[in-house]
Amino acid sequence: DMGVGEKKTITLEPSEAYGEPNPTAIIDVPLSNLPEGLQIGQVLQGQGPQGPFIVTVVEVNESTAKLDHNHPMAGKKLTFDLEVVNID
C-alpha cells in the first residue's frame, strides 16, 4: 500500500511479535553446570536436543543461577520506521 518515497511508522504489540514472556521459561540451574564468573545480564549459548539456544542470566545465588529462556524481545512493543526506496 506504499509507493516509492513514502514513509510510515508501524508499531507491533508483543502479541504480534515475540509474545509475552513465559514465566515457566525461567529455570534454576546449578552453578556447577555453568561457567565460572556469571554476571546478571550475561547471555549464554547452550546446545539442546533441538539445537542451539540462548539464555540470559537473571539471578545468581550461592549454588544456582536463574536462566531466562525467553526471547530477549519477548514482552516488548516494537516500533519500525519504514521507507520505500525502490519497487522492482
N, C-alpha and C. Protein backbone atom coordinates (compact mmCIF):
# COMPACT_ATOMS: atom_id res chain seq x y z
N ASP A 1 0.81 -1.21 0.00
CA ASP A 1 0.00 0.00 0.00
C ASP A 1 0.85 1.27 0.00
N MET A 2 2.15 1.15 -0.17
CA MET A 2 3.02 2.32 -0.14
C MET A 2 3.72 2.46 -1.48
N GLY A 3 4.06 3.70 -1.82
CA GLY A 3 4.77 3.98 -3.04
C GLY A 3 6.19 4.45 -2.75
N VAL A 4 7.01 4.55 -3.79
CA VAL A 4 8.38 4.99 -3.64
C VAL A 4 8.42 6.36 -2.96
N GLY A 5 9.30 6.49 -1.98
CA GLY A 5 9.45 7.74 -1.25
C GLY A 5 8.53 7.87 -0.05
N GLU A 6 7.55 7.00 0.08
CA GLU A 6 6.65 7.07 1.23
C GLU A 6 7.32 6.53 2.47
N LYS A 7 6.97 7.15 3.60
CA LYS A 7 7.49 6.73 4.90
C LYS A 7 6.32 6.41 5.81
N LYS A 8 6.55 5.46 6.69
CA LYS A 8 5.50 5.05 7.62
C LYS A 8 6.17 4.50 8.87
N THR A 9 5.55 4.71 10.02
CA THR A 9 5.99 4.12 11.27
C THR A 9 4.93 3.11 11.68
N ILE A 10 5.37 1.88 11.99
CA ILE A 10 4.43 0.87 12.47
C ILE A 10 4.89 0.38 13.84
N THR A 11 3.93 0.02 14.66
CA THR A 11 4.21 -0.50 15.99
C THR A 11 3.52 -1.85 16.13
N LEU A 12 4.29 -2.82 16.61
CA LEU A 12 3.76 -4.15 16.86
C LEU A 12 3.68 -4.38 18.36
N GLU A 13 2.53 -4.82 18.82
CA GLU A 13 2.37 -5.20 20.22
C GLU A 13 3.09 -6.53 20.44
N PRO A 14 3.44 -6.86 21.68
CA PRO A 14 4.12 -8.13 21.93
C PRO A 14 3.42 -9.34 21.31
N SER A 15 2.10 -9.34 21.34
CA SER A 15 1.35 -10.48 20.79
C SER A 15 1.51 -10.61 19.28
N GLU A 16 1.92 -9.53 18.61
CA GLU A 16 2.13 -9.55 17.16
C GLU A 16 3.59 -9.81 16.81
N ALA A 17 4.44 -9.88 17.84
CA ALA A 17 5.88 -10.03 17.59
C ALA A 17 6.38 -11.31 18.27
N TYR A 18 7.09 -11.17 19.38
CA TYR A 18 7.70 -12.32 20.05
C TYR A 18 6.87 -12.84 21.22
N GLY A 19 5.70 -12.29 21.44
CA GLY A 19 4.82 -12.76 22.51
C GLY A 19 5.22 -12.22 23.86
N GLU A 20 4.43 -12.61 24.85
CA GLU A 20 4.72 -12.22 26.23
C GLU A 20 5.73 -13.20 26.82
N PRO A 21 6.52 -12.75 27.79
CA PRO A 21 7.46 -13.68 28.44
C PRO A 21 6.70 -14.82 29.13
N ASN A 22 7.26 -16.01 29.04
CA ASN A 22 6.68 -17.18 29.69
C ASN A 22 7.42 -17.42 31.00
N PRO A 23 6.76 -17.25 32.16
CA PRO A 23 7.46 -17.41 33.43
C PRO A 23 8.04 -18.82 33.64
N THR A 24 7.47 -19.82 32.99
CA THR A 24 8.00 -21.18 33.15
C THR A 24 9.29 -21.38 32.36
N ALA A 25 9.67 -20.39 31.53
CA ALA A 25 10.91 -20.47 30.76
C ALA A 25 12.10 -19.92 31.55
N ILE A 26 11.87 -19.56 32.81
CA ILE A 26 12.95 -19.11 33.69
C ILE A 26 13.22 -20.25 34.66
N ILE A 27 14.42 -20.83 34.57
CA ILE A 27 14.70 -22.02 35.36
C ILE A 27 15.96 -21.84 36.21
N ASP A 28 16.01 -22.60 37.31
CA ASP A 28 17.19 -22.64 38.17
C ASP A 28 18.13 -23.72 37.66
N VAL A 29 19.40 -23.38 37.56
CA VAL A 29 20.42 -24.33 37.11
C VAL A 29 21.56 -24.30 38.13
N PRO A 30 22.05 -25.48 38.55
CA PRO A 30 23.18 -25.49 39.49
C PRO A 30 24.40 -24.78 38.90
N LEU A 31 25.08 -23.99 39.73
CA LEU A 31 26.27 -23.29 39.27
C LEU A 31 27.34 -24.26 38.78
N SER A 32 27.33 -25.48 39.31
CA SER A 32 28.33 -26.47 38.88
C SER A 32 28.16 -26.85 37.42
N ASN A 33 26.99 -26.55 36.82
CA ASN A 33 26.75 -26.85 35.40
C ASN A 33 27.01 -25.64 34.50
N LEU A 34 27.51 -24.55 35.09
CA LEU A 34 27.66 -23.31 34.33
C LEU A 34 29.09 -22.80 34.42
N PRO A 35 29.49 -21.92 33.49
CA PRO A 35 30.83 -21.34 33.57
C PRO A 35 31.00 -20.47 34.82
N GLU A 36 32.22 -20.37 35.29
CA GLU A 36 32.50 -19.54 36.47
C GLU A 36 32.37 -18.06 36.13
N GLY A 37 32.10 -17.26 37.15
CA GLY A 37 32.07 -15.82 37.00
C GLY A 37 30.84 -15.27 36.31
N LEU A 38 29.69 -15.94 36.45
CA LEU A 38 28.47 -15.45 35.80
C LEU A 38 28.10 -14.07 36.29
N GLN A 39 27.58 -13.26 35.38
CA GLN A 39 27.11 -11.91 35.70
C GLN A 39 25.64 -11.79 35.29
N ILE A 40 24.86 -11.10 36.08
CA ILE A 40 23.46 -10.84 35.72
C ILE A 40 23.46 -10.06 34.41
N GLY A 41 22.61 -10.49 33.49
CA GLY A 41 22.52 -9.87 32.17
C GLY A 41 23.38 -10.58 31.13
N GLN A 42 24.28 -11.45 31.57
CA GLN A 42 25.14 -12.18 30.64
C GLN A 42 24.29 -13.12 29.78
N VAL A 43 24.66 -13.24 28.52
CA VAL A 43 23.96 -14.12 27.58
C VAL A 43 24.85 -15.34 27.33
N LEU A 44 24.24 -16.52 27.46
CA LEU A 44 24.95 -17.77 27.24
C LEU A 44 24.29 -18.53 26.11
N GLN A 45 25.08 -19.34 25.42
CA GLN A 45 24.53 -20.22 24.39
C GLN A 45 24.70 -21.65 24.86
N GLY A 46 23.63 -22.44 24.69
CA GLY A 46 23.68 -23.85 25.04
C GLY A 46 23.31 -24.70 23.85
N GLN A 47 23.41 -25.99 24.03
CA GLN A 47 23.04 -26.93 22.98
C GLN A 47 22.04 -27.91 23.58
N GLY A 48 20.88 -28.03 22.94
CA GLY A 48 19.86 -28.96 23.40
C GLY A 48 19.51 -29.95 22.31
N PRO A 49 18.56 -30.83 22.59
CA PRO A 49 18.16 -31.84 21.60
C PRO A 49 17.64 -31.23 20.29
N GLN A 50 17.09 -30.02 20.37
CA GLN A 50 16.54 -29.37 19.17
C GLN A 50 17.51 -28.33 18.59
N GLY A 51 18.74 -28.33 19.06
CA GLY A 51 19.73 -27.41 18.52
C GLY A 51 20.17 -26.37 19.52
N PRO A 52 20.89 -25.35 19.05
CA PRO A 52 21.41 -24.32 19.96
C PRO A 52 20.29 -23.42 20.50
N PHE A 53 20.53 -22.89 21.69
CA PHE A 53 19.58 -21.95 22.30
C PHE A 53 20.36 -20.90 23.07
N ILE A 54 19.71 -19.77 23.29
CA ILE A 54 20.30 -18.64 24.01
C ILE A 54 19.52 -18.43 25.31
N VAL A 55 20.23 -18.14 26.40
CA VAL A 55 19.60 -17.81 27.67
C VAL A 55 20.26 -16.56 28.24
N THR A 56 19.53 -15.88 29.10
CA THR A 56 20.05 -14.70 29.79
C THR A 56 20.09 -14.98 31.28
N VAL A 57 21.20 -14.68 31.93
CA VAL A 57 21.34 -14.87 33.37
C VAL A 57 20.56 -13.73 34.05
N VAL A 58 19.56 -14.10 34.87
CA VAL A 58 18.75 -13.06 35.52
C VAL A 58 18.98 -12.99 37.03
N GLU A 59 19.63 -14.03 37.59
CA GLU A 59 19.91 -14.02 39.03
C GLU A 59 21.01 -15.04 39.29
N VAL A 60 21.91 -14.73 40.23
CA VAL A 60 22.95 -15.66 40.64
C VAL A 60 22.91 -15.76 42.16
N ASN A 61 22.77 -16.98 42.66
CA ASN A 61 22.75 -17.25 44.10
C ASN A 61 24.00 -18.02 44.49
N GLU A 62 24.05 -18.51 45.73
CA GLU A 62 25.22 -19.25 46.20
C GLU A 62 25.43 -20.55 45.43
N SER A 63 24.35 -21.24 45.05
CA SER A 63 24.50 -22.54 44.42
C SER A 63 23.80 -22.68 43.08
N THR A 64 22.95 -21.71 42.72
CA THR A 64 22.20 -21.80 41.46
C THR A 64 22.19 -20.45 40.74
N ALA A 65 21.80 -20.51 39.49
CA ALA A 65 21.56 -19.29 38.71
C ALA A 65 20.21 -19.46 38.03
N LYS A 66 19.46 -18.37 37.93
CA LYS A 66 18.21 -18.37 37.17
C LYS A 66 18.54 -17.97 35.74
N LEU A 67 18.14 -18.82 34.79
CA LEU A 67 18.38 -18.57 33.38
C LEU A 67 17.05 -18.37 32.68
N ASP A 68 16.95 -17.31 31.91
CA ASP A 68 15.73 -16.96 31.18
C ASP A 68 15.86 -17.44 29.74
N HIS A 69 15.00 -18.40 29.36
CA HIS A 69 15.00 -18.95 28.01
C HIS A 69 14.08 -18.17 27.06
N ASN A 70 13.40 -17.14 27.56
CA ASN A 70 12.53 -16.33 26.70
C ASN A 70 13.37 -15.57 25.67
N HIS A 71 12.78 -15.28 24.53
CA HIS A 71 13.45 -14.44 23.54
C HIS A 71 13.70 -13.08 24.16
N PRO A 72 14.86 -12.46 23.93
CA PRO A 72 15.14 -11.15 24.54
C PRO A 72 14.12 -10.07 24.20
N MET A 73 13.40 -10.21 23.10
CA MET A 73 12.41 -9.20 22.72
C MET A 73 11.00 -9.56 23.18
N ALA A 74 10.83 -10.69 23.87
CA ALA A 74 9.51 -11.08 24.39
C ALA A 74 9.00 -10.00 25.34
N GLY A 75 7.73 -9.66 25.20
CA GLY A 75 7.10 -8.67 26.07
C GLY A 75 7.36 -7.23 25.67
N LYS A 76 8.08 -7.03 24.60
CA LYS A 76 8.41 -5.66 24.17
C LYS A 76 7.56 -5.24 22.98
N LYS A 77 7.16 -3.97 23.02
CA LYS A 77 6.48 -3.36 21.88
C LYS A 77 7.57 -2.94 20.89
N LEU A 78 7.41 -3.29 19.63
CA LEU A 78 8.42 -2.99 18.61
C LEU A 78 7.90 -1.90 17.69
N THR A 79 8.74 -0.90 17.41
CA THR A 79 8.38 0.18 16.51
C THR A 79 9.40 0.22 15.38
N PHE A 80 8.89 0.28 14.14
CA PHE A 80 9.75 0.31 12.96
C PHE A 80 9.43 1.54 12.13
N ASP A 81 10.45 2.23 11.67
CA ASP A 81 10.30 3.32 10.71
C ASP A 81 10.61 2.74 9.34
N LEU A 82 9.65 2.80 8.43
CA LEU A 82 9.80 2.22 7.10
C LEU A 82 9.84 3.31 6.04
N GLU A 83 10.61 3.05 4.99
CA GLU A 83 10.64 3.93 3.83
C GLU A 83 10.80 3.07 2.59
N VAL A 84 9.95 3.27 1.61
CA VAL A 84 10.08 2.56 0.34
C VAL A 84 11.08 3.32 -0.51
N VAL A 85 12.17 2.66 -0.87
CA VAL A 85 13.20 3.31 -1.66
C VAL A 85 13.19 2.85 -3.13
N ASN A 86 12.59 1.68 -3.36
CA ASN A 86 12.56 1.16 -4.73
C ASN A 86 11.49 0.07 -4.83
N ILE A 87 10.86 -0.03 -5.96
CA ILE A 87 9.92 -1.11 -6.22
C ILE A 87 10.31 -1.72 -7.55
N ASP A 88 10.64 -3.02 -7.53
CA ASP A 88 11.02 -3.71 -8.78
C ASP A 88 9.81 -4.43 -9.35
